[in-house]
N, C-alpha and C. Protein backbone atom coordinates (compact mmCIF):
# COMPACT_ATOMS: atom_id res chain seq x y z
N MET A 1 -21.77 246.31 -117.05
CA MET A 1 -22.77 246.75 -115.95
C MET A 1 -22.67 248.33 -115.50
N THR A 2 -23.96 248.40 -115.61
CA THR A 2 -24.52 250.01 -115.35
C THR A 2 -23.71 250.65 -114.28
N THR A 3 -23.79 251.86 -114.93
CA THR A 3 -22.91 252.93 -113.76
C THR A 3 -23.61 252.77 -112.47
N LEU A 4 -25.07 252.82 -111.96
CA LEU A 4 -25.99 252.88 -111.69
C LEU A 4 -25.70 251.09 -110.73
N SER A 5 -25.47 250.39 -111.04
CA SER A 5 -25.04 249.07 -110.94
C SER A 5 -23.73 248.97 -109.96
N ARG A 6 -22.99 249.77 -110.70
CA ARG A 6 -21.41 249.53 -109.98
C ARG A 6 -21.40 250.66 -108.85
N ARG A 7 -22.51 251.34 -109.06
CA ARG A 7 -22.61 252.62 -107.41
C ARG A 7 -23.14 251.31 -107.14
N SER A 8 -23.79 251.12 -106.80
CA SER A 8 -24.79 249.90 -105.74
C SER A 8 -23.42 248.79 -104.95
N LEU A 9 -23.12 248.02 -106.00
CA LEU A 9 -21.94 247.26 -105.28
C LEU A 9 -20.95 248.07 -105.00
N LEU A 10 -20.76 249.59 -104.61
CA LEU A 10 -19.46 249.54 -104.32
C LEU A 10 -20.45 249.81 -102.99
N LEU A 11 -21.50 250.42 -102.51
CA LEU A 11 -21.88 251.08 -101.91
C LEU A 11 -21.96 249.69 -100.42
N ALA A 12 -22.30 249.19 -101.30
CA ALA A 12 -22.50 247.19 -100.54
C ALA A 12 -21.18 247.17 -100.01
N ALA A 13 -20.61 247.24 -100.99
CA ALA A 13 -18.99 246.88 -100.15
C ALA A 13 -18.98 247.71 -99.05
N GLY A 14 -18.84 248.70 -99.03
CA GLY A 14 -18.31 250.17 -98.20
C GLY A 14 -19.10 249.93 -97.09
N ALA A 15 -20.82 249.32 -97.07
CA ALA A 15 -21.41 248.99 -95.68
C ALA A 15 -20.79 248.02 -95.01
N SER A 16 -20.61 246.66 -95.89
CA SER A 16 -20.04 245.18 -95.18
C SER A 16 -18.77 245.43 -94.54
N ILE A 17 -17.27 246.18 -95.06
CA ILE A 17 -16.39 247.05 -94.40
C ILE A 17 -17.00 247.83 -93.17
N LEU A 18 -17.98 248.28 -93.41
CA LEU A 18 -18.25 249.26 -92.16
C LEU A 18 -18.46 248.58 -90.79
N ALA A 19 -19.40 247.56 -91.42
CA ALA A 19 -20.41 247.04 -90.46
C ALA A 19 -18.53 245.62 -89.60
N THR A 20 -18.31 245.36 -90.47
CA THR A 20 -16.66 244.17 -90.10
C THR A 20 -16.22 245.34 -88.93
N GLY A 21 -15.91 246.25 -89.46
CA GLY A 21 -14.66 247.35 -88.39
C GLY A 21 -15.74 247.23 -86.73
N THR A 22 -16.92 248.08 -87.26
CA THR A 22 -17.93 248.33 -85.61
C THR A 22 -18.13 246.71 -85.05
N LEU A 23 -18.17 245.76 -85.57
CA LEU A 23 -18.04 244.33 -84.86
C LEU A 23 -16.80 244.02 -83.96
N ALA A 24 -15.55 244.20 -84.79
CA ALA A 24 -14.18 244.70 -84.70
C ALA A 24 -13.95 245.02 -82.61
N VAL A 25 -14.84 247.06 -83.44
CA VAL A 25 -14.39 247.47 -82.07
C VAL A 25 -15.48 247.49 -80.84
N ALA A 26 -16.74 246.57 -80.97
CA ALA A 26 -17.56 246.34 -79.87
C ALA A 26 -16.65 244.70 -79.17
N GLU A 27 -16.68 244.07 -80.08
CA GLU A 27 -15.23 242.47 -79.67
C GLU A 27 -13.98 243.29 -78.87
N GLU A 28 -13.23 244.17 -79.30
CA GLU A 28 -12.35 244.49 -78.11
C GLU A 28 -12.83 244.65 -77.50
N ARG A 29 -13.83 245.77 -77.03
CA ARG A 29 -14.70 246.58 -76.37
C ARG A 29 -15.30 245.71 -74.75
N THR A 30 -15.60 244.89 -75.70
CA THR A 30 -16.35 243.63 -74.71
C THR A 30 -15.60 242.35 -74.23
N ALA A 31 -14.41 242.80 -74.59
CA ALA A 31 -13.27 241.02 -73.97
C ALA A 31 -12.83 240.74 -73.17
N ALA A 32 -12.91 239.94 -72.25
CA ALA A 32 -11.81 240.01 -71.32
C ALA A 32 -10.21 240.58 -70.92
N PRO A 33 -10.59 241.70 -69.81
CA PRO A 33 -9.36 242.27 -69.91
C PRO A 33 -8.15 241.22 -69.82
N LYS A 34 -6.91 242.04 -70.31
CA LYS A 34 -5.99 240.81 -69.87
C LYS A 34 -5.53 240.89 -68.47
N ALA A 35 -5.45 239.74 -67.78
CA ALA A 35 -4.93 239.43 -66.25
C ALA A 35 -3.02 240.64 -66.61
N ALA A 36 -3.25 240.34 -65.12
CA ALA A 36 -2.10 240.93 -64.78
C ALA A 36 -1.11 239.99 -64.46
N PRO A 37 0.94 240.09 -64.26
CA PRO A 37 1.01 238.91 -64.24
C PRO A 37 1.42 239.09 -62.66
N SER A 38 1.41 237.55 -62.56
CA SER A 38 0.80 236.78 -61.36
C SER A 38 1.85 237.53 -60.06
N GLN A 39 1.00 237.60 -59.00
CA GLN A 39 2.34 237.49 -58.15
C GLN A 39 2.51 236.35 -57.06
N ALA A 40 3.48 236.62 -56.53
CA ALA A 40 4.46 235.33 -55.84
C ALA A 40 2.94 234.87 -54.75
N ALA A 41 2.86 234.13 -54.50
CA ALA A 41 1.87 233.80 -53.65
C ALA A 41 2.49 233.80 -52.28
N PRO A 42 1.54 234.67 -51.25
CA PRO A 42 1.78 234.88 -49.84
C PRO A 42 3.28 233.43 -48.96
N LEU A 43 4.04 233.80 -48.18
CA LEU A 43 4.12 232.49 -47.74
C LEU A 43 3.72 232.33 -46.80
N PRO A 44 4.02 230.88 -46.43
CA PRO A 44 2.89 230.68 -45.44
C PRO A 44 3.44 230.13 -44.41
N ALA A 45 2.27 231.01 -43.92
CA ALA A 45 2.66 230.85 -42.05
C ALA A 45 3.44 230.48 -40.73
N LYS A 46 4.19 229.09 -41.43
CA LYS A 46 5.33 228.27 -40.80
C LYS A 46 6.16 228.40 -42.14
N SER A 47 6.55 229.08 -42.96
CA SER A 47 7.79 229.10 -42.90
C SER A 47 9.02 230.06 -42.47
N ILE A 48 10.04 228.59 -42.39
CA ILE A 48 11.34 229.97 -42.34
C ILE A 48 10.86 231.63 -42.90
N TYR A 49 10.93 231.46 -44.12
CA TYR A 49 11.43 232.39 -44.85
C TYR A 49 10.54 234.07 -44.43
N GLN A 50 9.81 233.98 -43.26
CA GLN A 50 9.16 234.62 -43.05
C GLN A 50 10.35 235.93 -42.69
N LEU A 51 11.43 235.11 -41.98
CA LEU A 51 12.46 235.58 -41.21
C LEU A 51 12.68 236.14 -41.87
N SER A 52 13.10 237.37 -41.38
CA SER A 52 14.41 237.90 -42.76
C SER A 52 15.60 238.21 -41.65
N VAL A 53 17.19 237.48 -42.56
CA VAL A 53 18.03 237.69 -41.85
C VAL A 53 18.95 238.03 -43.17
N PRO A 54 20.29 238.72 -42.94
CA PRO A 54 20.77 239.68 -44.06
C PRO A 54 22.14 238.38 -43.94
N LEU A 55 21.84 237.61 -45.35
CA LEU A 55 22.73 237.38 -45.23
C LEU A 55 24.42 237.29 -46.50
N THR A 56 25.32 236.42 -46.37
CA THR A 56 26.18 237.52 -47.51
C THR A 56 26.67 235.76 -47.55
N ASP A 57 27.20 235.34 -49.28
CA ASP A 57 27.83 234.07 -48.83
C ASP A 57 29.24 234.07 -49.43
N GLN A 58 29.51 233.02 -49.93
CA GLN A 58 31.01 232.96 -49.98
C GLN A 58 31.48 233.16 -51.02
N SER A 59 30.93 234.33 -52.04
CA SER A 59 30.79 234.98 -53.00
C SER A 59 31.08 236.42 -53.06
N GLY A 60 30.53 236.60 -52.01
CA GLY A 60 30.32 237.76 -51.54
C GLY A 60 28.97 238.50 -51.56
N LYS A 61 27.55 237.62 -52.11
CA LYS A 61 26.58 238.06 -53.19
C LYS A 61 25.91 238.44 -51.26
N THR A 62 25.27 239.50 -50.93
CA THR A 62 23.99 239.45 -50.13
C THR A 62 22.90 238.60 -50.49
N PHE A 63 22.18 238.42 -49.66
CA PHE A 63 21.03 238.20 -49.52
C PHE A 63 19.99 237.90 -48.56
N GLN A 64 18.68 236.99 -49.18
CA GLN A 64 17.50 236.53 -47.92
C GLN A 64 17.66 235.94 -48.07
N LEU A 65 17.11 234.17 -46.94
CA LEU A 65 16.69 233.03 -47.44
C LEU A 65 15.56 232.93 -48.13
N ALA A 66 14.63 233.90 -48.00
CA ALA A 66 13.35 234.15 -49.33
C ALA A 66 13.65 233.85 -50.17
N GLU A 67 14.91 234.54 -50.88
CA GLU A 67 15.41 234.16 -52.22
C GLU A 67 15.84 233.45 -52.32
N ARG A 68 15.92 232.16 -52.24
CA ARG A 68 16.03 230.50 -52.04
C ARG A 68 14.46 229.95 -52.25
N ARG A 69 13.62 230.34 -51.92
CA ARG A 69 12.03 229.62 -52.59
C ARG A 69 12.13 229.80 -53.81
N GLY A 70 11.54 228.39 -53.79
CA GLY A 70 11.21 227.53 -55.46
C GLY A 70 11.46 226.66 -54.97
N ALA A 71 12.31 225.72 -54.53
CA ALA A 71 12.88 224.76 -54.48
C ALA A 71 13.60 223.96 -53.19
N PRO A 72 13.20 222.87 -53.10
CA PRO A 72 13.56 222.38 -51.53
C PRO A 72 14.93 222.60 -51.20
N MET A 73 15.36 223.00 -49.83
CA MET A 73 16.68 222.97 -49.70
C MET A 73 17.11 222.43 -48.54
N ILE A 74 18.35 222.15 -48.52
CA ILE A 74 18.64 221.72 -46.74
C ILE A 74 19.78 222.87 -45.88
N VAL A 75 19.09 222.91 -44.62
CA VAL A 75 19.71 224.29 -44.52
C VAL A 75 20.19 223.48 -43.11
N SER A 76 21.52 224.28 -42.22
CA SER A 76 21.66 223.52 -41.40
C SER A 76 22.87 224.62 -40.55
N MET A 77 23.55 224.83 -40.19
CA MET A 77 24.52 225.48 -38.89
C MET A 77 25.95 225.26 -38.28
N PHE A 78 26.95 225.91 -39.27
CA PHE A 78 28.17 225.67 -38.05
C PHE A 78 29.07 226.94 -38.18
N TYR A 79 30.20 226.62 -38.23
CA TYR A 79 31.31 227.35 -38.14
C TYR A 79 32.71 226.31 -38.67
N THR A 80 32.93 227.04 -39.28
CA THR A 80 34.74 226.77 -40.48
C THR A 80 35.61 226.13 -39.47
N SER A 81 35.88 226.79 -38.78
CA SER A 81 36.92 226.42 -37.49
C SER A 81 36.80 224.85 -36.62
N CYS A 82 35.76 224.81 -36.79
CA CYS A 82 35.51 223.33 -36.09
C CYS A 82 35.72 222.28 -36.82
N GLN A 83 36.55 221.25 -35.50
CA GLN A 83 37.47 220.10 -36.58
C GLN A 83 36.90 218.40 -36.61
N TYR A 84 36.09 218.23 -35.94
CA TYR A 84 34.97 217.30 -35.65
C TYR A 84 33.56 217.28 -37.19
N VAL A 85 32.98 217.77 -35.61
CA VAL A 85 31.01 217.76 -36.20
C VAL A 85 31.03 218.05 -37.15
N CYS A 86 31.11 219.45 -37.35
CA CYS A 86 30.59 220.41 -38.56
C CYS A 86 30.98 220.00 -40.32
N PRO A 87 32.87 219.01 -40.28
CA PRO A 87 33.31 218.41 -41.53
C PRO A 87 32.34 217.34 -41.72
N MET A 88 31.71 216.32 -40.38
CA MET A 88 31.04 215.72 -40.57
C MET A 88 29.76 215.75 -41.18
N LEU A 89 29.03 216.76 -41.34
CA LEU A 89 27.84 217.64 -40.97
C LEU A 89 27.76 217.63 -42.65
N MET A 90 28.96 218.13 -43.32
CA MET A 90 29.08 218.61 -44.99
C MET A 90 29.34 217.82 -45.26
N GLU A 91 29.90 216.49 -44.76
CA GLU A 91 30.14 214.93 -45.95
C GLU A 91 28.90 214.12 -45.61
N SER A 92 28.29 214.78 -44.85
CA SER A 92 26.62 213.67 -44.38
C SER A 92 26.06 214.40 -45.51
N ILE A 93 26.02 216.27 -45.98
CA ILE A 93 25.04 216.17 -47.04
C ILE A 93 25.33 215.78 -48.29
N GLN A 94 27.18 215.26 -48.27
CA GLN A 94 26.88 215.21 -49.60
C GLN A 94 27.04 213.85 -49.45
N ALA A 95 26.82 212.67 -48.85
CA ALA A 95 26.39 211.64 -48.66
C ALA A 95 25.00 211.72 -49.58
N THR A 96 24.18 212.38 -49.15
CA THR A 96 22.65 212.39 -48.91
C THR A 96 22.97 213.11 -50.39
N GLU A 97 23.16 213.10 -50.83
CA GLU A 97 22.79 214.12 -52.38
C GLU A 97 22.85 212.97 -53.19
N GLN A 98 24.87 211.93 -52.87
CA GLN A 98 24.35 210.78 -53.35
C GLN A 98 24.29 210.46 -54.01
N LYS A 99 22.85 209.95 -53.34
CA LYS A 99 21.37 209.51 -53.41
C LYS A 99 20.67 209.91 -53.88
N LEU A 100 20.40 211.37 -54.42
CA LEU A 100 19.99 211.13 -55.41
C LEU A 100 19.89 210.88 -56.98
N SER A 101 18.72 211.63 -57.94
CA SER A 101 19.32 211.04 -59.48
C SER A 101 20.24 212.27 -59.43
N ALA A 102 20.66 212.53 -60.99
CA ALA A 102 21.36 214.00 -61.52
C ALA A 102 20.72 214.81 -61.67
N ALA A 103 18.98 214.54 -61.93
CA ALA A 103 17.53 216.24 -62.01
C ALA A 103 17.58 216.20 -60.51
N GLU A 104 16.96 215.27 -59.62
CA GLU A 104 16.98 215.80 -57.92
C GLU A 104 17.44 216.95 -57.73
N ARG A 105 19.40 216.15 -57.72
CA ARG A 105 20.22 216.91 -57.46
C ARG A 105 20.20 218.44 -57.84
N ALA A 106 19.78 218.29 -58.84
CA ALA A 106 20.29 219.71 -59.37
C ALA A 106 18.98 220.86 -59.26
N ARG A 107 17.69 220.31 -58.36
CA ARG A 107 16.81 221.03 -58.51
C ARG A 107 17.49 221.75 -56.85
N LEU A 108 18.23 220.72 -56.16
CA LEU A 108 17.78 220.75 -53.98
C LEU A 108 19.58 222.31 -53.75
N LYS A 109 19.12 222.79 -53.00
CA LYS A 109 19.90 223.77 -52.36
C LYS A 109 20.69 223.85 -51.28
N VAL A 110 21.98 224.01 -51.07
CA VAL A 110 21.76 223.89 -49.46
C VAL A 110 22.41 225.55 -48.82
N THR A 111 21.91 225.24 -47.46
CA THR A 111 22.94 226.53 -47.06
C THR A 111 22.94 226.32 -45.56
N LEU A 112 24.74 226.40 -45.45
CA LEU A 112 24.81 226.80 -44.34
C LEU A 112 25.51 228.31 -43.84
N VAL A 113 24.92 228.11 -42.50
CA VAL A 113 24.97 229.76 -42.06
C VAL A 113 25.81 229.32 -40.63
N SER A 114 26.61 230.33 -40.54
CA SER A 114 28.28 230.16 -39.60
C SER A 114 26.97 231.35 -38.39
N PHE A 115 27.95 230.07 -37.15
CA PHE A 115 27.76 230.12 -36.31
C PHE A 115 28.45 231.30 -35.19
N ASP A 116 29.91 231.36 -36.08
CA ASP A 116 31.11 232.24 -35.68
C ASP A 116 30.85 233.49 -36.92
N PRO A 117 30.56 234.70 -36.91
CA PRO A 117 30.54 235.56 -37.77
C PRO A 117 31.68 236.40 -37.40
N ALA A 118 32.48 236.54 -36.64
CA ALA A 118 33.19 237.50 -36.17
C ALA A 118 34.58 236.59 -36.82
N HIS A 119 34.63 235.11 -36.53
CA HIS A 119 35.97 234.95 -38.05
C HIS A 119 35.56 234.43 -39.22
N ASP A 120 34.64 233.86 -39.40
CA ASP A 120 34.01 233.04 -40.97
C ASP A 120 33.85 234.63 -41.77
N THR A 121 34.75 234.76 -42.23
CA THR A 121 34.62 236.10 -43.37
C THR A 121 34.63 235.68 -44.83
N VAL A 122 33.96 236.61 -45.34
CA VAL A 122 33.97 235.77 -46.67
C VAL A 122 34.88 234.91 -47.25
N GLN A 123 35.83 235.62 -47.21
CA GLN A 123 37.27 234.84 -47.50
C GLN A 123 37.12 233.53 -47.19
N VAL A 124 37.04 233.78 -45.19
CA VAL A 124 37.58 231.87 -45.14
C VAL A 124 36.48 231.34 -45.93
N LEU A 125 34.95 231.95 -46.46
CA LEU A 125 33.86 230.66 -46.90
C LEU A 125 34.34 230.40 -47.54
N ARG A 126 34.82 231.18 -48.16
CA ARG A 126 34.71 230.68 -49.98
C ARG A 126 36.42 229.73 -50.29
N LYS A 127 37.40 230.41 -48.79
CA LYS A 127 37.94 229.06 -48.92
C LYS A 127 37.60 227.30 -48.77
N THR A 128 36.88 227.55 -47.81
CA THR A 128 36.42 226.03 -47.16
C THR A 128 34.82 225.62 -48.13
N ALA A 129 34.46 226.69 -49.13
CA ALA A 129 33.25 226.19 -50.03
C ALA A 129 34.57 225.37 -51.35
N ASP A 130 35.59 226.13 -51.63
CA ASP A 130 36.62 225.21 -52.73
C ASP A 130 37.46 224.13 -52.51
N SER A 131 37.47 224.05 -50.88
CA SER A 131 38.36 223.38 -50.60
C SER A 131 37.25 221.73 -50.95
N ARG A 132 36.05 221.80 -50.23
CA ARG A 132 35.69 221.18 -50.68
C ARG A 132 34.60 220.32 -51.51
N SER A 133 34.98 221.94 -52.84
CA SER A 133 34.57 221.83 -54.35
C SER A 133 33.13 221.54 -54.25
N PHE A 134 32.13 222.62 -53.20
CA PHE A 134 31.14 222.61 -53.80
C PHE A 134 30.61 223.83 -54.42
N ASP A 135 29.48 222.49 -55.33
CA ASP A 135 28.47 223.67 -56.29
C ASP A 135 27.88 225.07 -56.06
N SER A 136 28.97 226.35 -55.86
CA SER A 136 28.63 227.49 -55.48
C SER A 136 26.95 228.17 -56.12
N ALA A 137 26.20 226.94 -57.45
CA ALA A 137 25.43 227.16 -58.16
C ALA A 137 24.29 226.85 -56.61
N ARG A 138 24.50 225.76 -55.86
CA ARG A 138 23.26 225.52 -55.46
C ARG A 138 23.96 225.23 -53.81
N TRP A 139 25.35 225.33 -53.31
CA TRP A 139 25.42 225.66 -52.17
C TRP A 139 26.16 226.89 -51.83
N ALA A 140 25.22 227.87 -50.85
CA ALA A 140 25.83 228.82 -50.51
C ALA A 140 26.43 228.40 -48.93
N LEU A 141 27.38 228.90 -48.68
CA LEU A 141 28.30 229.66 -46.85
C LEU A 141 27.93 231.09 -46.99
N ALA A 142 27.46 230.97 -45.74
CA ALA A 142 26.69 231.82 -45.81
C ALA A 142 27.60 232.83 -44.02
N ARG A 143 27.58 233.98 -43.50
CA ARG A 143 27.76 234.99 -42.35
C ARG A 143 26.49 235.73 -42.29
N THR A 144 26.35 236.03 -41.35
CA THR A 144 25.19 237.22 -40.99
C THR A 144 25.01 237.59 -39.55
N ASP A 145 24.79 238.67 -39.08
CA ASP A 145 24.83 239.18 -37.32
C ASP A 145 24.60 238.76 -36.47
N ALA A 146 24.77 237.99 -35.26
CA ALA A 146 24.97 237.62 -34.18
C ALA A 146 23.85 238.02 -33.87
N SER A 147 22.93 238.22 -34.12
CA SER A 147 21.58 238.14 -33.54
C SER A 147 20.79 237.55 -34.81
N SER A 148 21.32 237.60 -35.98
CA SER A 148 19.81 236.89 -36.72
C SER A 148 20.96 235.97 -36.63
N VAL A 149 21.77 235.17 -36.35
CA VAL A 149 22.42 233.74 -35.63
C VAL A 149 21.60 233.20 -34.60
N ARG A 150 21.14 233.95 -33.57
CA ARG A 150 20.44 233.48 -32.75
C ARG A 150 18.68 233.08 -33.04
N LYS A 151 18.68 234.27 -34.12
CA LYS A 151 16.90 233.92 -34.42
C LYS A 151 16.81 232.82 -35.16
N LEU A 152 18.09 232.76 -36.11
CA LEU A 152 17.86 231.31 -37.00
C LEU A 152 18.09 230.80 -36.48
N ALA A 153 19.06 229.89 -35.95
CA ALA A 153 18.99 228.84 -34.44
C ALA A 153 18.44 227.97 -34.16
N ALA A 154 17.67 229.21 -33.34
CA ALA A 154 16.38 229.14 -32.51
C ALA A 154 14.82 228.08 -33.60
N LEU A 155 15.23 229.22 -34.43
CA LEU A 155 14.18 228.68 -36.19
C LEU A 155 13.93 227.70 -35.78
N LEU A 156 15.36 227.16 -36.76
CA LEU A 156 15.48 225.50 -36.61
C LEU A 156 15.64 224.35 -35.88
N GLY A 157 15.88 225.47 -34.28
CA GLY A 157 16.57 224.15 -33.46
C GLY A 157 17.29 223.48 -32.58
N ILE A 158 18.25 224.29 -33.48
CA ILE A 158 19.76 224.16 -32.69
C ILE A 158 20.06 225.60 -31.95
N GLN A 159 21.04 224.60 -30.89
CA GLN A 159 21.85 225.11 -30.25
C GLN A 159 22.55 225.11 -29.85
N TYR A 160 23.47 226.58 -30.00
CA TYR A 160 25.10 226.55 -29.53
C TYR A 160 25.28 227.58 -28.70
N ARG A 161 26.26 227.36 -27.67
CA ARG A 161 26.95 228.31 -26.89
C ARG A 161 28.05 228.55 -27.48
N ALA A 162 29.26 229.93 -27.66
CA ALA A 162 30.80 230.28 -27.44
C ALA A 162 31.10 229.37 -26.71
N ILE A 163 31.65 228.53 -26.32
CA ILE A 163 33.13 228.27 -24.98
C ILE A 163 34.32 228.98 -25.07
N GLY A 164 34.68 229.97 -25.84
CA GLY A 164 36.06 230.40 -25.96
C GLY A 164 36.66 229.53 -26.84
N ASN A 165 38.31 230.72 -27.42
CA ASN A 165 39.06 229.80 -28.01
C ASN A 165 38.54 230.54 -29.40
N GLY A 166 37.24 230.45 -29.75
CA GLY A 166 36.75 230.22 -31.10
C GLY A 166 35.61 229.21 -31.65
N ASP A 167 35.94 228.59 -29.92
CA ASP A 167 35.09 227.25 -30.03
C ASP A 167 33.45 227.35 -30.04
N PHE A 168 32.69 226.27 -30.32
CA PHE A 168 31.09 226.50 -30.26
C PHE A 168 31.10 225.16 -29.69
N ASN A 169 29.71 225.49 -28.40
CA ASN A 169 29.13 223.75 -28.46
C ASN A 169 28.21 223.74 -28.84
N HIS A 170 27.48 222.87 -29.99
CA HIS A 170 26.27 222.78 -30.85
C HIS A 170 25.76 221.96 -30.97
N SER A 171 24.55 221.76 -30.72
CA SER A 171 23.49 220.29 -31.47
C SER A 171 23.37 220.90 -33.04
N THR A 172 23.78 219.31 -33.98
CA THR A 172 23.39 219.24 -35.46
C THR A 172 22.13 218.85 -36.16
N ALA A 173 22.07 219.16 -36.69
CA ALA A 173 20.95 218.97 -37.57
C ALA A 173 21.23 219.02 -39.18
N LEU A 174 19.89 218.60 -39.56
CA LEU A 174 20.11 218.84 -41.07
C LEU A 174 18.63 218.98 -41.26
N VAL A 175 17.95 220.15 -41.81
CA VAL A 175 16.82 220.50 -42.09
C VAL A 175 15.79 220.61 -43.36
N LEU A 176 15.02 219.92 -43.94
CA LEU A 176 14.65 219.80 -45.41
C LEU A 176 13.44 220.78 -45.04
N LEU A 177 13.60 222.00 -45.89
CA LEU A 177 12.42 222.95 -46.26
C LEU A 177 12.06 222.52 -47.52
N ASP A 178 10.79 222.83 -47.94
CA ASP A 178 10.16 222.26 -48.74
C ASP A 178 10.10 223.83 -49.68
N ALA A 179 9.44 224.12 -50.85
CA ALA A 179 9.73 225.23 -52.10
C ALA A 179 9.84 226.48 -51.22
N ASP A 180 8.71 226.46 -50.58
CA ASP A 180 7.88 227.76 -49.68
C ASP A 180 8.70 227.72 -47.88
N GLY A 181 9.29 226.81 -47.76
CA GLY A 181 10.45 227.57 -46.83
C GLY A 181 9.91 226.76 -45.22
N GLN A 182 9.25 225.54 -45.64
CA GLN A 182 8.71 225.02 -44.46
C GLN A 182 8.97 223.56 -44.18
N ILE A 183 9.22 223.44 -42.87
CA ILE A 183 10.38 222.54 -42.15
C ILE A 183 9.80 220.97 -43.17
N VAL A 184 9.70 220.63 -43.21
CA VAL A 184 9.09 218.61 -43.72
C VAL A 184 10.47 218.16 -43.55
N GLY A 185 11.60 217.82 -42.43
CA GLY A 185 11.93 217.02 -42.30
C GLY A 185 13.49 217.12 -41.64
N LYS A 186 14.18 216.44 -41.21
CA LYS A 186 14.91 216.70 -40.15
C LYS A 186 15.85 215.73 -39.77
N THR A 187 16.93 215.51 -39.64
CA THR A 187 17.80 214.66 -38.85
C THR A 187 19.17 214.99 -37.98
N SER A 188 19.75 214.04 -37.79
CA SER A 188 20.71 214.62 -37.24
C SER A 188 22.24 213.95 -36.92
N GLU A 189 21.65 212.28 -37.49
CA GLU A 189 22.11 211.44 -38.18
C GLU A 189 23.60 211.80 -39.06
N LEU A 190 24.92 212.02 -38.61
CA LEU A 190 26.00 212.24 -38.95
C LEU A 190 27.17 210.26 -39.57
N GLY A 191 28.02 211.16 -40.78
CA GLY A 191 28.94 210.27 -41.09
C GLY A 191 28.31 209.71 -41.74
N SER A 192 26.63 209.51 -42.29
CA SER A 192 26.29 208.64 -44.14
C SER A 192 25.05 209.73 -43.99
N ALA A 193 24.32 208.83 -44.79
CA ALA A 193 23.31 209.16 -45.06
C ALA A 193 21.81 208.65 -44.57
N ASP A 194 20.69 209.55 -44.07
CA ASP A 194 20.01 208.65 -42.88
C ASP A 194 18.97 208.35 -43.89
N ALA A 195 18.10 207.34 -43.89
CA ALA A 195 16.97 206.81 -45.12
C ALA A 195 15.89 207.06 -45.32
N GLU A 196 15.41 207.63 -43.55
CA GLU A 196 14.03 208.36 -43.84
C GLU A 196 14.50 209.97 -44.11
N PHE A 197 15.62 210.67 -44.07
CA PHE A 197 15.70 211.92 -44.53
C PHE A 197 16.05 211.66 -46.38
N VAL A 198 16.28 210.51 -46.86
CA VAL A 198 16.65 210.89 -47.65
C VAL A 198 15.48 210.23 -48.60
N LYS A 199 14.11 209.58 -48.06
CA LYS A 199 13.37 209.24 -48.43
C LYS A 199 11.68 210.87 -48.61
N ALA A 200 11.86 211.81 -47.26
CA ALA A 200 11.62 212.73 -47.07
C ALA A 200 12.27 213.69 -48.21
N LEU A 201 13.06 213.81 -48.69
CA LEU A 201 14.23 214.52 -49.24
C LEU A 201 13.25 214.34 -50.72
N LYS A 202 14.19 212.88 -51.64
CA LYS A 202 12.93 212.53 -52.68
C LYS A 202 11.32 213.17 -52.95
N ARG A 203 10.84 213.06 -51.46
CA ARG A 203 9.35 213.06 -51.86
C ARG A 203 8.71 214.65 -51.39
N THR A 204 9.92 215.44 -51.46
CA THR A 204 9.44 217.20 -51.68
C THR A 204 10.23 217.42 -52.81
N LEU A 205 11.04 217.04 -53.07
CA LEU A 205 12.12 216.91 -54.81
C LEU A 205 10.50 216.72 -55.84
N SER A 206 10.05 215.90 -55.57
CA SER A 206 8.95 215.05 -56.56
C SER A 206 8.30 216.43 -56.76
N SER A 207 7.85 217.12 -55.69
CA SER A 207 6.24 218.06 -56.08
C SER A 207 7.35 219.36 -57.30
N VAL A 208 8.42 219.37 -57.39
CA VAL A 208 8.93 219.94 -57.78
C VAL A 208 9.55 219.81 -59.78
N LEU A 209 9.60 218.80 -59.38
CA LEU A 209 9.87 217.94 -60.60
C LEU A 209 8.64 217.11 -61.56
N ASN A 210 7.97 216.92 -61.32
CA ASN A 210 6.34 216.52 -61.17
C ASN A 210 5.75 217.43 -62.27
């Protein structure tokens, strides 16, 4: 091969590399920019999670209701020194859970908020949770300030009134929230699982399992 031919080949190869590099830079410049990490969608207007309630659970962890967003949840209210209705309420939730598959149960959260923050300390809540073998990964027994108790009870449609000696008159309700905190089911049936409530629960769970 002559010197001239070799030089021509080198020049051609260099031109090809330069063209390829220029094309790559052009493509990089014209490529669509990478999407920013998606932000959580705004809460629906009727979401319970719109309410800012400072809660502390049986392990001493502080949280907001909205932090439990992303999974269906049963929420209700109680107080630990209640001798009759509140234990039945807890048993009703456990009976309801027994109607679910293991996969459904794993995605369900439960939050019970005390009417009685003056007496239901973290230690008292922990003792109650332990005595009933509640799954602390899913079940939260929580306390908050008296003002927040009133606000939450009003949103859930639960009535209560202190009657002295640490007791309360109160209505009972298991309230089912969807993954965004909207009320999608409710029952006042105690002592067993409400069949219609279980159906609503399974429908709601299917939306996060499928």
